[in-house]
Amino acid sequence: MNKYTAVGLLAAAAEGKRIIVVSPHGSAVRDAVDEVHQLAPDLQWRRTNGATWVALPAGGSIRFLTRPQLRGQSADVVLVEDDRDLNVDVVRELHAVVKASPDGEIVRY
């Protein structure tokens, strides 16, 4: 993830959007978290059971997950960092995540 993507995620979350960043593996998750954290270190960051997320005052949030962690999640926007391994099953999971949102969006990066 680059800083321009991180700025866009923070802007969307500041508008109240619930965002999930899906990374292919743990080190990519850590890189994405570090990029966003550098821009907003004073926000409320939480880390539990391998998941990291930041909550913004407007009610929006950004969660950083790997693909196996998607089940049972819900969001307005899903950013897929690496779409090389996308198959029909993964695409179904992504659509299920944004299904409840009236403006659900899947973004491939």
PDB file of N, CA and C in Angstrom:
ATOM      1  N   MET A   1       0.844  -1.172   0.000  1.00  0.00           N
ATOM      2  CA  MET A   1       0.000   0.000   0.000  1.00  0.00           C
ATOM      3  C   MET A   1       0.891   1.238   0.000  1.00  0.00           C
ATOM      4  N   ASN A   2       0.487   2.237  -0.747  1.00  0.00           N
ATOM      5  CA  ASN A   2       1.247   3.474  -0.742  1.00  0.00           C
ATOM      6  C   ASN A   2       0.499   4.546   0.054  1.00  0.00           C
ATOM      7  N   LYS A   3       1.150   5.684   0.265  1.00  0.00           N
ATOM      8  CA  LYS A   3       0.550   6.712   1.124  1.00  0.00           C
ATOM      9  C   LYS A   3      -0.702   7.326   0.501  1.00  0.00           C
ATOM     10  N   TYR A   4      -0.792   7.339  -0.821  1.00  0.00           N
ATOM     11  CA  TYR A   4      -1.977   7.915  -1.472  1.00  0.00           C
ATOM     12  C   TYR A   4      -3.205   7.034  -1.245  1.00  0.00           C
ATOM     13  N   THR A   5      -3.006   5.746  -1.272  1.00  0.00           N
ATOM     14  CA  THR A   5      -4.093   4.818  -0.960  1.00  0.00           C
ATOM     15  C   THR A   5      -4.486   4.970   0.500  1.00  0.00           C
ATOM     16  N   ALA A   6      -3.505   5.086   1.375  1.00  0.00           N
ATOM     17  CA  ALA A   6      -3.771   5.250   2.807  1.00  0.00           C
ATOM     18  C   ALA A   6      -4.558   6.532   3.073  1.00  0.00           C
ATOM     19  N   VAL A   7      -4.205   7.614   2.400  1.00  0.00           N
ATOM     20  CA  VAL A   7      -4.931   8.881   2.562  1.00  0.00           C
ATOM     21  C   VAL A   7      -6.381   8.724   2.121  1.00  0.00           C
ATOM     22  N   GLY A   8      -6.598   8.040   0.999  1.00  0.00           N
ATOM     23  CA  GLY A   8      -7.954   7.808   0.514  1.00  0.00           C
ATOM     24  C   GLY A   8      -8.777   6.963   1.471  1.00  0.00           C
ATOM     25  N   LEU A   9      -8.168   5.942   2.051  1.00  0.00           N
ATOM     26  CA  LEU A   9      -8.863   5.111   3.033  1.00  0.00           C
ATOM     27  C   LEU A   9      -9.267   5.920   4.260  1.00  0.00           C
ATOM     28  N   LEU A  10      -8.342   6.736   4.748  1.00  0.00           N
ATOM     29  CA  LEU A  10      -8.648   7.556   5.918  1.00  0.00           C
ATOM     30  C   LEU A  10      -9.756   8.563   5.608  1.00  0.00           C
ATOM     31  N   ALA A  11      -9.744   9.134   4.409  1.00  0.00           N
ATOM     32  CA  ALA A  11     -10.788  10.092   4.025  1.00  0.00           C
ATOM     33  C   ALA A  11     -12.155   9.414   3.975  1.00  0.00           C
ATOM     34  N   ALA A  12     -12.221   8.227   3.393  1.00  0.00           N
ATOM     35  CA  ALA A  12     -13.491   7.501   3.316  1.00  0.00           C
ATOM     36  C   ALA A  12     -13.973   7.105   4.709  1.00  0.00           C
ATOM     37  N   ALA A  13     -13.062   6.656   5.558  1.00  0.00           N
ATOM     38  CA  ALA A  13     -13.433   6.279   6.925  1.00  0.00           C
ATOM     39  C   ALA A  13     -13.881   7.512   7.712  1.00  0.00           C
ATOM     40  N   ALA A  14     -13.285   8.660   7.431  1.00  0.00           N
ATOM     41  CA  ALA A  14     -13.684   9.899   8.100  1.00  0.00           C
ATOM     42  C   ALA A  14     -15.112  10.302   7.724  1.00  0.00           C
ATOM     43  N   GLU A  15     -15.600   9.807   6.590  1.00  0.00           N
ATOM     44  CA  GLU A  15     -16.981  10.052   6.169  1.00  0.00           C
ATOM     45  C   GLU A  15     -17.944   9.017   6.754  1.00  0.00           C
ATOM     46  N   GLY A  16     -17.431   8.109   7.574  1.00  0.00           N
ATOM     47  CA  GLY A  16     -18.272   7.107   8.216  1.00  0.00           C
ATOM     48  C   GLY A  16     -18.281   5.746   7.539  1.00  0.00           C
ATOM     49  N   LYS A  17     -17.479   5.553   6.504  1.00  0.00           N
ATOM     50  CA  LYS A  17     -17.434   4.261   5.803  1.00  0.00           C
ATOM     51  C   LYS A  17     -16.709   3.224   6.652  1.00  0.00           C
ATOM     52  N   ARG A  18     -17.215   1.996   6.594  1.00  0.00           N
ATOM     53  CA  ARG A  18     -16.555   0.849   7.226  1.00  0.00           C
ATOM     54  C   ARG A  18     -15.764   0.149   6.130  1.00  0.00           C
ATOM     55  N   ILE A  19     -14.455   0.093   6.282  1.00  0.00           N
ATOM     56  CA  ILE A  19     -13.557  -0.393   5.235  1.00  0.00           C
ATOM     57  C   ILE A  19     -12.792  -1.609   5.739  1.00  0.00           C
ATOM     58  N   ILE A  20     -12.640  -2.580   4.853  1.00  0.00           N
ATOM     59  CA  ILE A  20     -11.773  -3.720   5.129  1.00  0.00           C
ATOM     60  C   ILE A  20     -10.694  -3.748   4.058  1.00  0.00           C
ATOM     61  N   VAL A  21      -9.452  -3.817   4.491  1.00  0.00           N
ATOM     62  CA  VAL A  21      -8.308  -3.979   3.590  1.00  0.00           C
ATOM     63  C   VAL A  21      -7.927  -5.449   3.647  1.00  0.00           C
ATOM     64  N   VAL A  22      -8.002  -6.121   2.507  1.00  0.00           N
ATOM     65  CA  VAL A  22      -7.695  -7.551   2.434  1.00  0.00           C
ATOM     66  C   VAL A  22      -6.315  -7.710   1.797  1.00  0.00           C
ATOM     67  N   SER A  23      -5.396  -8.246   2.559  1.00  0.00           N
ATOM     68  CA  SER A  23      -4.031  -8.460   2.086  1.00  0.00           C
ATOM     69  C   SER A  23      -3.782  -9.951   1.918  1.00  0.00           C
ATOM     70  N   PRO A  24      -2.843 -10.317   1.040  1.00  0.00           N
ATOM     71  CA  PRO A  24      -2.612 -11.735   0.758  1.00  0.00           C
ATOM     72  C   PRO A  24      -1.930 -12.504   1.886  1.00  0.00           C
ATOM     73  N   HIS A  25      -1.197 -11.819   2.763  1.00  0.00           N
ATOM     74  CA  HIS A  25      -0.483 -12.510   3.840  1.00  0.00           C
ATOM     75  C   HIS A  25      -0.173 -11.527   4.964  1.00  0.00           C
ATOM     76  N   GLY A  26       0.277 -12.057   6.079  1.00  0.00           N
ATOM     77  CA  GLY A  26       0.505 -11.261   7.278  1.00  0.00           C
ATOM     78  C   GLY A  26       1.468 -10.112   7.126  1.00  0.00           C
ATOM     79  N   SER A  27       2.545 -10.293   6.370  1.00  0.00           N
ATOM     80  CA  SER A  27       3.496  -9.186   6.228  1.00  0.00           C
ATOM     81  C   SER A  27       2.895  -8.037   5.417  1.00  0.00           C
ATOM     82  N   ALA A  28       2.040  -8.347   4.467  1.00  0.00           N
ATOM     83  CA  ALA A  28       1.359  -7.293   3.706  1.00  0.00           C
ATOM     84  C   ALA A  28       0.367  -6.547   4.600  1.00  0.00           C
ATOM     85  N   VAL A  29      -0.269  -7.264   5.517  1.00  0.00           N
ATOM     86  CA  VAL A  29      -1.161  -6.617   6.485  1.00  0.00           C
ATOM     87  C   VAL A  29      -0.367  -5.639   7.332  1.00  0.00           C
ATOM     88  N   ARG A  30       0.786  -6.081   7.842  1.00  0.00           N
ATOM     89  CA  ARG A  30       1.622  -5.211   8.672  1.00  0.00           C
ATOM     90  C   ARG A  30       2.078  -3.981   7.896  1.00  0.00           C
ATOM     91  N   ASP A  31       2.443  -4.156   6.632  1.00  0.00           N
ATOM     92  CA  ASP A  31       2.857  -3.010   5.807  1.00  0.00           C
ATOM     93  C   ASP A  31       1.722  -2.012   5.636  1.00  0.00           C
ATOM     94  N   ALA A  32       0.506  -2.511   5.384  1.00  0.00           N
ATOM     95  CA  ALA A  32      -0.651  -1.636   5.211  1.00  0.00           C
ATOM     96  C   ALA A  32      -0.964  -0.895   6.511  1.00  0.00           C
ATOM     97  N   VAL A  33      -0.922  -1.611   7.621  1.00  0.00           N
ATOM     98  CA  VAL A  33      -1.165  -0.983   8.926  1.00  0.00           C
ATOM     99  C   VAL A  33      -0.140   0.109   9.175  1.00  0.00           C
ATOM    100  N   ASP A  34       1.124  -0.175   8.912  1.00  0.00           N
ATOM    101  CA  ASP A  34       2.185   0.816   9.138  1.00  0.00           C
ATOM    102  C   ASP A  34       1.967   2.064   8.293  1.00  0.00           C
ATOM    103  N   GLU A  35       1.566   1.889   7.048  1.00  0.00           N
ATOM    104  CA  GLU A  35       1.363   3.030   6.149  1.00  0.00           C
ATOM    105  C   GLU A  35       0.245   3.938   6.661  1.00  0.00           C
ATOM    106  N   VAL A  36      -0.865   3.351   7.077  1.00  0.00           N
ATOM    107  CA  VAL A  36      -1.981   4.146   7.591  1.00  0.00           C
ATOM    108  C   VAL A  36      -1.643   4.726   8.962  1.00  0.00           C
ATOM    109  N   HIS A  37      -0.979   3.939   9.796  1.00  0.00           N
ATOM    110  CA  HIS A  37      -0.628   4.397  11.145  1.00  0.00           C
ATOM    111  C   HIS A  37       0.299   5.614  11.101  1.00  0.00           C
ATOM    112  N   GLN A  38       1.203   5.670  10.132  1.00  0.00           N
ATOM    113  CA  GLN A  38       2.096   6.825  10.009  1.00  0.00           C
ATOM    114  C   GLN A  38       1.315   8.112   9.768  1.00  0.00           C
ATOM    115  N   LEU A  39       0.200   8.006   9.060  1.00  0.00           N
ATOM    116  CA  LEU A  39      -0.612   9.184   8.757  1.00  0.00           C
ATOM    117  C   LEU A  39      -1.556   9.556   9.899  1.00  0.00           C
ATOM    118  N   ALA A  40      -1.909   8.598  10.732  1.00  0.00           N
ATOM    119  CA  ALA A  40      -2.901   8.847  11.784  1.00  0.00           C
ATOM    120  C   ALA A  40      -2.556   8.109  13.077  1.00  0.00           C
ATOM    121  N   PRO A  41      -1.408   8.414  13.670  1.00  0.00           N
ATOM    122  CA  PRO A  41      -1.005   7.675  14.870  1.00  0.00           C
ATOM    123  C   PRO A  41      -1.849   7.982  16.100  1.00  0.00           C
ATOM    124  N   ASP A  42      -2.538   9.119  16.107  1.00  0.00           N
ATOM    125  CA  ASP A  42      -3.300   9.524  17.287  1.00  0.00           C
ATOM    126  C   ASP A  42      -4.713   8.957  17.337  1.00  0.00           C
ATOM    127  N   LEU A  43      -5.117   8.241  16.308  1.00  0.00           N
ATOM    128  CA  LEU A  43      -6.448   7.645  16.309  1.00  0.00           C
ATOM    129  C   LEU A  43      -6.481   6.427  17.226  1.00  0.00           C
ATOM    130  N   GLN A  44      -7.660   5.926  17.463  1.00  0.00           N
ATOM    131  CA  GLN A  44      -7.847   4.782  18.359  1.00  0.00           C
ATOM    132  C   GLN A  44      -7.545   3.481  17.610  1.00  0.00           C
ATOM    133  N   TRP A  45      -6.354   2.934  17.803  1.00  0.00           N
ATOM    134  CA  TRP A  45      -5.917   1.706  17.148  1.00  0.00           C
ATOM    135  C   TRP A  45      -6.147   0.527  18.074  1.00  0.00           C
ATOM    136  N   ARG A  46      -6.604  -0.586  17.495  1.00  0.00           N
ATOM    137  CA  ARG A  46      -6.828  -1.806  18.286  1.00  0.00           C
ATOM    138  C   ARG A  46      -6.193  -2.991  17.572  1.00  0.00           C
ATOM    139  N   ARG A  47      -5.606  -3.870  18.372  1.00  0.00           N
ATOM    140  CA  ARG A  47      -5.020  -5.104  17.847  1.00  0.00           C
ATOM    141  C   ARG A  47      -5.419  -6.249  18.749  1.00  0.00           C
ATOM    142  N   THR A  48      -6.157  -7.216  18.165  1.00  0.00           N
ATOM    143  CA  THR A  48      -6.559  -8.390  18.937  1.00  0.00           C
ATOM    144  C   THR A  48      -6.609  -9.603  18.035  1.00  0.00           C
ATOM    145  N   ASN A  49      -6.167 -10.710  18.534  1.00  0.00           N
ATOM    146  CA  ASN A  49      -6.258 -11.997  17.833  1.00  0.00           C
ATOM    147  C   ASN A  49      -5.830 -11.918  16.365  1.00  0.00           C
ATOM    148  N   GLY A  50      -4.766 -11.210  16.099  1.00  0.00           N
ATOM    149  CA  GLY A  50      -4.254 -11.139  14.739  1.00  0.00           C
ATOM    150  C   GLY A  50      -4.941 -10.123  13.858  1.00  0.00           C
ATOM    151  N   ALA A  51      -5.981  -9.464  14.355  1.00  0.00           N
ATOM    152  CA  ALA A  51      -6.680  -8.446  13.572  1.00  0.00           C
ATOM    153  C   ALA A  51      -6.292  -7.060  14.082  1.00  0.00           C
ATOM    154  N   THR A  52      -6.184  -6.121  13.161  1.00  0.00           N
ATOM    155  CA  THR A  52      -5.875  -4.743  13.524  1.00  0.00           C
ATOM    156  C   THR A  52      -6.914  -3.850  12.890  1.00  0.00           C
ATOM    157  N   TRP A  53      -7.387  -2.874  13.650  1.00  0.00           N
ATOM    158  CA  TRP A  53      -8.312  -1.904  13.067  1.00  0.00           C
ATOM    159  C   TRP A  53      -8.171  -0.574  13.768  1.00  0.00           C
ATOM    160  N   VAL A  54      -8.643   0.456  13.074  1.00  0.00           N
ATOM    161  CA  VAL A  54      -8.629   1.810  13.606  1.00  0.00           C
ATOM    162  C   VAL A  54     -10.043   2.363  13.471  1.00  0.00           C
ATOM    163  N   ALA A  55     -10.505   2.993  14.543  1.00  0.00           N
ATOM    164  CA  ALA A  55     -11.825   3.614  14.550  1.00  0.00           C
ATOM    165  C   ALA A  55     -11.659   5.123  14.442  1.00  0.00           C
ATOM    166  N   LEU A  56     -12.485   5.741  13.606  1.00  0.00           N
ATOM    167  CA  LEU A  56     -12.440   7.186  13.441  1.00  0.00           C
ATOM    168  C   LEU A  56     -13.629   7.831  14.151  1.00  0.00           C
ATOM    169  N   PRO A  57     -13.490   9.093  14.548  1.00  0.00           N
ATOM    170  CA  PRO A  57     -14.549   9.757  15.313  1.00  0.00           C
ATOM    171  C   PRO A  57     -15.913   9.798  14.615  1.00  0.00           C
ATOM    172  N   ALA A  58     -15.957   9.819  13.307  1.00  0.00           N
ATOM    173  CA  ALA A  58     -17.229   9.896  12.568  1.00  0.00           C
ATOM    174  C   ALA A  58     -17.954   8.557  12.519  1.00  0.00           C
ATOM    175  N   GLY A  59     -17.360   7.527  13.094  1.00  0.00           N
ATOM    176  CA  GLY A  59     -17.994   6.214  13.092  1.00  0.00           C
ATOM    177  C   GLY A  59     -17.439   5.260  12.060  1.00  0.00           C
ATOM    178  N   GLY A  60     -16.603   5.746  11.180  1.00  0.00           N
ATOM    179  CA  GLY A  60     -15.975   4.887  10.188  1.00  0.00           C
ATOM    180  C   GLY A  60     -14.848   4.083  10.805  1.00  0.00           C
ATOM    181  N   SER A  61     -14.389   3.089  10.071  1.00  0.00           N
ATOM    182  CA  SER A  61     -13.294   2.264  10.568  1.00  0.00           C
ATOM    183  C   SER A  61     -12.555   1.633   9.396  1.00  0.00           C
ATOM    184  N   ILE A  62     -11.335   1.214   9.675  1.00  0.00           N
ATOM    185  CA  ILE A  62     -10.535   0.464   8.707  1.00  0.00           C
ATOM    186  C   ILE A  62     -10.037  -0.779   9.423  1.00  0.00           C
ATOM    187  N   ARG A  63     -10.358  -1.938   8.859  1.00  0.00           N
ATOM    188  CA  ARG A  63      -9.881  -3.218   9.401  1.00  0.00           C
ATOM    189  C   ARG A  63      -8.905  -3.814   8.397  1.00  0.00           C
ATOM    190  N   PHE A  64      -7.863  -4.420   8.902  1.00  0.00           N
ATOM    191  CA  PHE A  64      -6.822  -5.024   8.081  1.00  0.00           C
ATOM    192  C   PHE A  64      -6.858  -6.524   8.299  1.00  0.00           C
ATOM    193  N   LEU A  65      -7.165  -7.280   7.245  1.00  0.00           N
ATOM    194  CA  LEU A  65      -7.344  -8.721   7.355  1.00  0.00           C
ATOM    195  C   LEU A  65      -6.643  -9.454   6.214  1.00  0.00           C
ATOM    196  N   THR A  66      -6.460 -10.755   6.401  1.00  0.00           N
ATOM    197  CA  THR A  66      -6.064 -11.617   5.298  1.00  0.00           C
ATOM    198  C   THR A  66      -7.330 -12.315   4.801  1.00  0.00           C
ATOM    199  N   ARG A  67      -7.263 -12.952   3.666  1.00  0.00           N
ATOM    200  CA  ARG A  67      -8.462 -13.561   3.081  1.00  0.00           C
ATOM    201  C   ARG A  67      -9.168 -14.563   3.995  1.00  0.00           C
ATOM    202  N   PRO A  68      -8.443 -15.425   4.702  1.00  0.00           N
ATOM    203  CA  PRO A  68      -9.155 -16.393   5.548  1.00  0.00           C
ATOM    204  C   PRO A  68      -9.979 -15.737   6.664  1.00  0.00           C
ATOM    205  N   GLN A  69      -9.723 -14.483   6.979  1.00  0.00           N
ATOM    206  CA  GLN A  69     -10.430 -13.799   8.061  1.00  0.00           C
ATOM    207  C   GLN A  69     -11.715 -13.111   7.593  1.00  0.00           C
ATOM    208  N   LEU A  70     -12.099 -13.232   6.342  1.00  0.00           N
ATOM    209  CA  LEU A  70     -13.257 -12.514   5.806  1.00  0.00           C
ATOM    210  C   LEU A  70     -14.602 -13.047   6.280  1.00  0.00           C
ATOM    211  N   ARG A  71     -14.702 -14.311   6.534  1.00  0.00           N
ATOM    212  CA  ARG A  71     -15.997 -14.909   6.879  1.00  0.00           C
ATOM    213  C   ARG A  71     -16.639 -14.192   8.065  1.00  0.00           C
ATOM    214  N   GLY A  72     -17.906 -13.804   7.892  1.00  0.00           N
ATOM    215  CA  GLY A  72     -18.655 -13.146   8.949  1.00  0.00           C
ATOM    216  C   GLY A  72     -18.433 -11.653   9.057  1.00  0.00           C
ATOM    217  N   GLN A  73     -17.619 -11.088   8.192  1.00  0.00           N
ATOM    218  CA  GLN A  73     -17.331  -9.662   8.229  1.00  0.00           C
ATOM    219  C   GLN A  73     -18.353  -8.887   7.408  1.00  0.00           C
ATOM    220  N   SER A  74     -18.484  -7.590   7.698  1.00  0.00           N
ATOM    221  CA  SER A  74     -19.381  -6.713   6.961  1.00  0.00           C
ATOM    222  C   SER A  74     -18.699  -5.359   6.792  1.00  0.00           C
ATOM    223  N   ALA A  75     -18.835  -4.758   5.605  1.00  0.00           N
ATOM    224  CA  ALA A  75     -18.191  -3.471   5.355  1.00  0.00           C
ATOM    225  C   ALA A  75     -18.892  -2.745   4.215  1.00  0.00           C
ATOM    226  N   ASP A  76     -18.589  -1.463   4.089  1.00  0.00           N
ATOM    227  CA  ASP A  76     -19.076  -0.662   2.968  1.00  0.00           C
ATOM    228  C   ASP A  76     -18.123  -0.764   1.783  1.00  0.00           C
ATOM    229  N   VAL A  77     -16.843  -0.872   2.089  1.00  0.00           N
ATOM    230  CA  VAL A  77     -15.798  -0.934   1.058  1.00  0.00           C
ATOM    231  C   VAL A  77     -14.821  -2.043   1.419  1.00  0.00           C
ATOM    232  N   VAL A  78     -14.457  -2.838   0.437  1.00  0.00           N
ATOM    233  CA  VAL A  78     -13.389  -3.825   0.604  1.00  0.00           C
ATOM    234  C   VAL A  78     -12.305  -3.481  -0.403  1.00  0.00           C
ATOM    235  N   LEU A  79     -11.102  -3.236   0.091  1.00  0.00           N
ATOM    236  CA  LEU A  79      -9.948  -2.982  -0.772  1.00  0.00           C
ATOM    237  C   LEU A  79      -9.129  -4.260  -0.822  1.00  0.00           C
ATOM    238  N   VAL A  80      -9.008  -4.839  -2.005  1.00  0.00           N
ATOM    239  CA  VAL A  80      -8.227  -6.062  -2.201  1.00  0.00           C
ATOM    240  C   VAL A  80      -6.860  -5.634  -2.710  1.00  0.00           C
ATOM    241  N   GLU A  81      -5.836  -5.843  -1.885  1.00  0.00           N
ATOM    242  CA  GLU A  81      -4.496  -5.373  -2.243  1.00  0.00           C
ATOM    243  C   GLU A  81      -3.839  -6.168  -3.366  1.00  0.00           C
ATOM    244  N   ASP A  82      -4.062  -7.451  -3.412  1.00  0.00           N
ATOM    245  CA  ASP A  82      -3.421  -8.282  -4.426  1.00  0.00           C
ATOM    246  C   ASP A  82      -4.474  -9.214  -4.994  1.00  0.00           C
ATOM    247  N   ASP A  83      -4.886  -8.976  -6.231  1.00  0.00           N
ATOM    248  CA  ASP A  83      -5.993  -9.755  -6.787  1.00  0.00           C
ATOM    249  C   ASP A  83      -5.544 -10.891  -7.697  1.00  0.00           C
ATOM    250  N   ARG A  84      -4.271 -11.249  -7.644  1.00  0.00           N
ATOM    251  CA  ARG A  84      -3.780 -12.330  -8.510  1.00  0.00           C
ATOM    252  C   ARG A  84      -4.417 -13.676  -8.195  1.00  0.00           C
ATOM    253  N   ASP A  85      -4.751 -13.904  -6.944  1.00  0.00           N
ATOM    254  CA  ASP A  85      -5.296 -15.197  -6.534  1.00  0.00           C
ATOM    255  C   ASP A  85      -6.816 -15.216  -6.436  1.00  0.00           C
ATOM    256  N   LEU A  86      -7.462 -14.196  -6.985  1.00  0.00           N
ATOM    257  CA  LEU A  86      -8.923 -14.171  -6.902  1.00  0.00           C
ATOM    258  C   LEU A  86      -9.521 -15.279  -7.753  1.00  0.00           C
ATOM    259  N   ASN A  87     -10.412 -16.023  -7.145  1.00  0.00           N
ATOM    260  CA  ASN A  87     -11.157 -17.039  -7.879  1.00  0.00           C
ATOM    261  C   ASN A  87     -12.631 -16.844  -7.560  1.00  0.00           C
ATOM    262  N   VAL A  88     -13.468 -17.670  -8.093  1.00  0.00           N
ATOM    263  CA  VAL A  88     -14.914 -17.512  -7.926  1.00  0.00           C
ATOM    264  C   VAL A  88     -15.312 -17.536  -6.451  1.00  0.00           C
ATOM    265  N   ASP A  89     -14.722 -18.425  -5.675  1.00  0.00           N
ATOM    266  CA  ASP A  89     -15.071 -18.527  -4.257  1.00  0.00           C
ATOM    267  C   ASP A  89     -14.692 -17.264  -3.489  1.00  0.00           C
ATOM    268  N   VAL A  90     -13.521 -16.714  -3.760  1.00  0.00           N
ATOM    269  CA  VAL A  90     -13.081 -15.495  -3.075  1.00  0.00           C
ATOM    270  C   VAL A  90     -13.977 -14.323  -3.472  1.00  0.00           C
ATOM    271  N   VAL A  91     -14.326 -14.224  -4.745  1.00  0.00           N
ATOM    272  CA  VAL A  91     -15.202 -13.142  -5.204  1.00  0.00           C
ATOM    273  C   VAL A  91     -16.566 -13.243  -4.510  1.00  0.00           C
ATOM    274  N   ARG A  92     -17.078 -14.445  -4.342  1.00  0.00           N
ATOM    275  CA  ARG A  92     -18.345 -14.624  -3.607  1.00  0.00           C
ATOM    276  C   ARG A  92     -18.217 -14.129  -2.170  1.00  0.00           C
ATOM    277  N   GLU A  93     -17.105 -14.461  -1.530  1.00  0.00           N
ATOM    278  CA  GLU A  93     -16.878 -13.996  -0.156  1.00  0.00           C
ATOM    279  C   GLU A  93     -16.836 -12.479  -0.090  1.00  0.00           C
ATOM    280  N   LEU A  94     -16.158 -11.858  -1.060  1.00  0.00           N
ATOM    281  CA  LEU A  94     -16.062 -10.396  -1.084  1.00  0.00           C
ATOM    282  C   LEU A  94     -17.439  -9.761  -1.254  1.00  0.00           C
ATOM    283  N   HIS A  95     -18.250 -10.312  -2.147  1.00  0.00           N
ATOM    284  CA  HIS A  95     -19.597  -9.779  -2.356  1.00  0.00           C
ATOM    285  C   HIS A  95     -20.463  -9.949  -1.107  1.00  0.00           C
ATOM    286  N   ALA A  96     -20.270 -11.040  -0.388  1.00  0.00           N
ATOM    287  CA  ALA A  96     -21.022 -11.260   0.848  1.00  0.00           C
ATOM    288  C   ALA A  96     -20.668 -10.208   1.904  1.00  0.00           C
ATOM    289  N   VAL A  97     -19.421  -9.765   1.918  1.00  0.00           N
ATOM    290  CA  VAL A  97     -18.968  -8.772   2.893  1.00  0.00           C
ATOM    291  C   VAL A  97     -19.663  -7.433   2.668  1.00  0.00           C
ATOM    292  N   VAL A  98     -19.864  -7.018   1.416  1.00  0.00           N
ATOM    293  CA  VAL A  98     -20.457  -5.711   1.124  1.00  0.00           C
ATOM    294  C   VAL A  98     -21.960  -5.775   0.842  1.00  0.00           C
ATOM    295  N   LYS A  99     -22.533  -6.955   0.901  1.00  0.00           N
ATOM    296  CA  LYS A  99     -23.941  -7.146   0.536  1.00  0.00           C
ATOM    297  C   LYS A  99     -24.896  -6.294   1.369  1.00  0.00           C
ATOM    298  N   ALA A 100     -24.651  -6.157   2.654  1.00  0.00           N
ATOM    299  CA  ALA A 100     -25.557  -5.423   3.536  1.00  0.00           C
ATOM    300  C   ALA A 100     -25.443  -3.907   3.389  1.00  0.00           C
ATOM    301  N   SER A 101     -24.409  -3.431   2.732  1.00  0.00           N
ATOM    302  CA  SER A 101     -24.210  -1.992   2.577  1.00  0.00           C
ATOM    303  C   SER A 101     -24.966  -1.480   1.354  1.00  0.00           C
ATOM    304  N   PRO A 102     -25.700  -0.382   1.485  1.00  0.00           N
ATOM    305  CA  PRO A 102     -26.406   0.162   0.324  1.00  0.00           C
ATOM    306  C   PRO A 102     -25.452   0.662  -0.766  1.00  0.00           C
ATOM    307  N   ASP A 103     -24.227   1.010  -0.375  1.00  0.00           N
ATOM    308  CA  ASP A 103     -23.234   1.502  -1.329  1.00  0.00           C
ATOM    309  C   ASP A 103     -22.014   0.596  -1.355  1.00  0.00           C
ATOM    310  N   GLY A 104     -22.213  -0.695  -1.157  1.00  0.00           N
ATOM    311  CA  GLY A 104     -21.098  -1.640  -1.087  1.00  0.00           C
ATOM    312  C   GLY A 104     -20.209  -1.586  -2.314  1.00  0.00           C
ATOM    313  N   GLU A 105     -18.919  -1.617  -2.074  1.00  0.00           N
ATOM    314  CA  GLU A 105     -17.952  -1.465  -3.165  1.00  0.00           C
ATOM    315  C   GLU A 105     -16.744  -2.356  -2.922  1.00  0.00           C
ATOM    316  N   ILE A 106     -16.305  -3.030  -3.966  1.00  0.00           N
ATOM    317  CA  ILE A 106     -15.075  -3.825  -3.923  1.00  0.00           C
ATOM    318  C   ILE A 106     -14.079  -3.145  -4.830  1.00  0.00           C
ATOM    319  N   VAL A 107     -12.919  -2.814  -4.271  1.00  0.00           N
ATOM    320  CA  VAL A 107     -11.882  -2.108  -5.020  1.00  0.00           C
ATOM    321  C   VAL A 107     -10.661  -3.003  -5.099  1.00  0.00           C
ATOM    322  N   ARG A 108     -10.174  -3.215  -6.317  1.00  0.00           N
ATOM    323  CA  ARG A 108      -8.947  -4.010  -6.497  1.00  0.00           C
ATOM    324  C   ARG A 108      -7.790  -3.068  -6.665  1.00  0.00           C
ATOM    325  N   TYR A 109      -6.726  -3.332  -5.914  1.00  0.00           N
ATOM    326  CA  TYR A 109      -5.555  -2.445  -5.932  1.00  0.00           C
ATOM    327  C   TYR A 109      -4.351  -3.212  -6.378  1.00  0.00           C
TER     328      TYR A 109
END
